[in-house]
Amino acid sequence: MWTRNTTTVPYRRKQRQEPVHLDHSVDMTELLLSISQTQNEQQLYSLLSPYKDRQLSIRFMVSIISRESDWQRSLALLDWINDIARYSPSVFAYNVVLRNVLRAKQWDHAHGLFDEMRNRALAPG
């Protein structure tokens, strides 16, 4: 005979482990100033190397790119995000870099970004 267990264990949902980000402990203004003083990709990558293990959220990184006026530096930041730090591809990051590239009338680079987005299954917005 089947008997029903009257003692029920409450269902506990596993809490998703969110990565710990240093966004609030990093002075964005100071980081932007340091980034603006870099002269090439190597200097930029060296400056960002302490954050390589995704200690900054993608939202923080997109904010950095959106405040970057130099289209070449914004492209280098996107490359660092995707290739060095290995963030998941972000349509927001691409859109901001695309905006910077288009403002600078760099049509070939814009076309290349569109192709790259398509290859990563991202739709420009």
Protein backbone atom coordinates (compact mmCIF):
# COMPACT_ATOMS: atom_id res chain seq x y z
CA MET A 1 0.00 0.00 0.00
CA TRP A 2 1.27 3.43 -0.95
CA THR A 3 1.47 5.85 1.89
CA ARG A 4 1.93 9.53 1.50
CA ASN A 5 4.80 11.06 3.36
CA THR A 6 3.31 13.84 5.48
CA THR A 7 6.68 15.39 6.15
CA THR A 8 7.51 17.58 3.19
CA VAL A 9 10.84 19.15 2.58
CA PRO A 10 10.52 22.71 1.32
CA TYR A 11 11.81 23.17 -2.18
CA ARG A 12 14.86 25.35 -2.25
CA ARG A 13 15.80 26.88 -5.50
CA LYS A 14 19.49 26.92 -6.22
CA GLN A 15 20.71 30.45 -6.21
CA ARG A 16 22.65 31.38 -9.26
CA GLN A 17 26.19 32.32 -8.49
CA GLU A 18 26.74 35.76 -9.95
CA PRO A 19 30.32 36.69 -10.67
CA VAL A 20 31.80 39.23 -8.34
CA HIS A 21 32.67 42.41 -10.21
CA LEU A 22 34.89 45.27 -9.12
CA ASP A 23 32.76 47.92 -10.84
CA HIS A 24 32.17 49.93 -7.68
CA SER A 25 35.78 49.78 -6.55
CA VAL A 26 37.22 51.07 -9.82
CA ASP A 27 37.22 54.81 -10.49
CA MET A 28 35.85 55.01 -14.03
CA THR A 29 37.09 58.57 -14.54
CA GLU A 30 40.62 57.61 -13.57
CA LEU A 31 40.53 54.50 -15.74
CA LEU A 32 39.24 56.53 -18.70
CA LEU A 33 42.05 59.04 -18.24
CA SER A 34 44.61 56.23 -18.20
CA ILE A 35 43.04 54.65 -21.28
CA SER A 36 43.12 57.98 -23.12
CA GLN A 37 46.86 58.19 -22.57
CA THR A 38 47.60 54.86 -24.25
CA GLN A 39 49.26 55.13 -27.65
CA ASN A 40 48.75 51.61 -29.01
CA GLU A 41 47.07 48.27 -28.40
CA GLN A 42 49.96 46.91 -26.36
CA GLN A 43 49.78 49.81 -23.88
CA LEU A 44 46.00 49.50 -23.69
CA TYR A 45 46.12 45.74 -23.13
CA SER A 46 48.82 46.16 -20.50
CA LEU A 47 46.73 48.75 -18.70
CA LEU A 48 43.67 46.50 -18.74
CA SER A 49 45.55 43.30 -17.84
CA PRO A 50 44.55 43.44 -14.14
CA TYR A 51 40.91 43.14 -15.30
CA LYS A 52 41.51 40.28 -17.72
CA ASP A 53 39.69 37.74 -15.56
CA ARG A 54 36.38 39.58 -16.01
CA GLN A 55 36.59 41.52 -12.81
CA LEU A 56 34.62 44.28 -14.50
CA SER A 57 31.11 43.68 -15.79
CA ILE A 58 30.30 43.94 -19.49
CA ARG A 59 28.02 46.87 -18.58
CA PHE A 60 31.03 48.69 -17.08
CA MET A 61 33.13 47.92 -20.15
CA VAL A 62 30.41 49.18 -22.52
CA SER A 63 30.26 52.38 -20.46
CA ILE A 64 34.02 52.76 -20.94
CA ILE A 65 33.66 52.31 -24.72
CA SER A 66 30.74 54.74 -24.89
CA ARG A 67 32.89 57.44 -23.31
CA GLU A 68 35.81 56.81 -25.65
CA SER A 69 35.96 59.39 -28.43
CA ASP A 70 38.81 57.81 -30.40
CA TRP A 71 37.34 55.25 -32.81
CA GLN A 72 40.60 53.27 -33.02
CA ARG A 73 40.86 52.98 -29.27
CA SER A 74 37.21 51.91 -29.06
CA LEU A 75 37.94 49.16 -31.62
CA ALA A 76 40.94 48.07 -29.56
CA LEU A 77 38.76 48.01 -26.43
CA LEU A 78 36.24 45.80 -28.22
CA ASP A 79 39.05 43.47 -29.33
CA TRP A 80 40.32 43.29 -25.73
CA ILE A 81 36.82 42.50 -24.46
CA ASN A 82 36.25 39.74 -27.03
CA ASP A 83 39.69 38.26 -27.61
CA ILE A 84 41.75 38.85 -24.47
CA ALA A 85 39.23 38.98 -21.61
CA ARG A 86 36.87 36.59 -23.44
CA TYR A 87 33.59 38.19 -22.47
CA SER A 88 30.54 36.78 -24.23
CA PRO A 89 29.96 38.86 -27.37
CA SER A 90 27.78 41.84 -26.53
CA VAL A 91 25.52 43.49 -29.07
CA PHE A 92 25.68 46.63 -26.91
CA ALA A 93 29.48 46.79 -27.10
CA TYR A 94 29.41 46.30 -30.86
CA ASN A 95 26.72 48.95 -31.33
CA VAL A 96 28.71 51.53 -29.38
CA VAL A 97 31.90 50.80 -31.33
CA LEU A 98 29.92 50.84 -34.57
CA ARG A 99 28.57 54.27 -33.66
CA ASN A 100 32.11 55.53 -33.00
CA VAL A 101 33.39 54.10 -36.27
CA LEU A 102 30.50 55.55 -38.27
CA ARG A 103 30.96 58.99 -36.68
CA ALA A 104 34.56 58.88 -37.89
CA LYS A 105 33.32 57.90 -41.38
CA GLN A 106 35.36 54.70 -41.34
CA TRP A 107 33.09 52.81 -43.71
CA ASP A 108 35.38 49.81 -44.25
CA HIS A 109 35.69 49.26 -40.50
CA ALA A 110 31.93 49.62 -40.09
CA HIS A 111 31.39 46.99 -42.78
CA GLY A 112 33.90 44.72 -41.04
CA LEU A 113 32.07 45.16 -37.72
CA PHE A 114 28.76 44.25 -39.38
CA ASP A 115 30.34 41.10 -40.79
CA GLU A 116 31.86 40.22 -37.42
CA MET A 117 28.50 40.73 -35.72
CA ARG A 118 26.80 38.51 -38.28
CA ASN A 119 29.44 35.82 -37.75
CA ARG A 120 28.79 35.97 -34.00
CA ALA A 121 25.01 35.83 -34.55
CA LEU A 122 24.49 39.36 -33.23
CA ALA A 123 22.03 41.76 -34.85
CA PRO A 124 22.95 45.45 -34.91
CA GLY A 125 20.39 47.56 -33.12
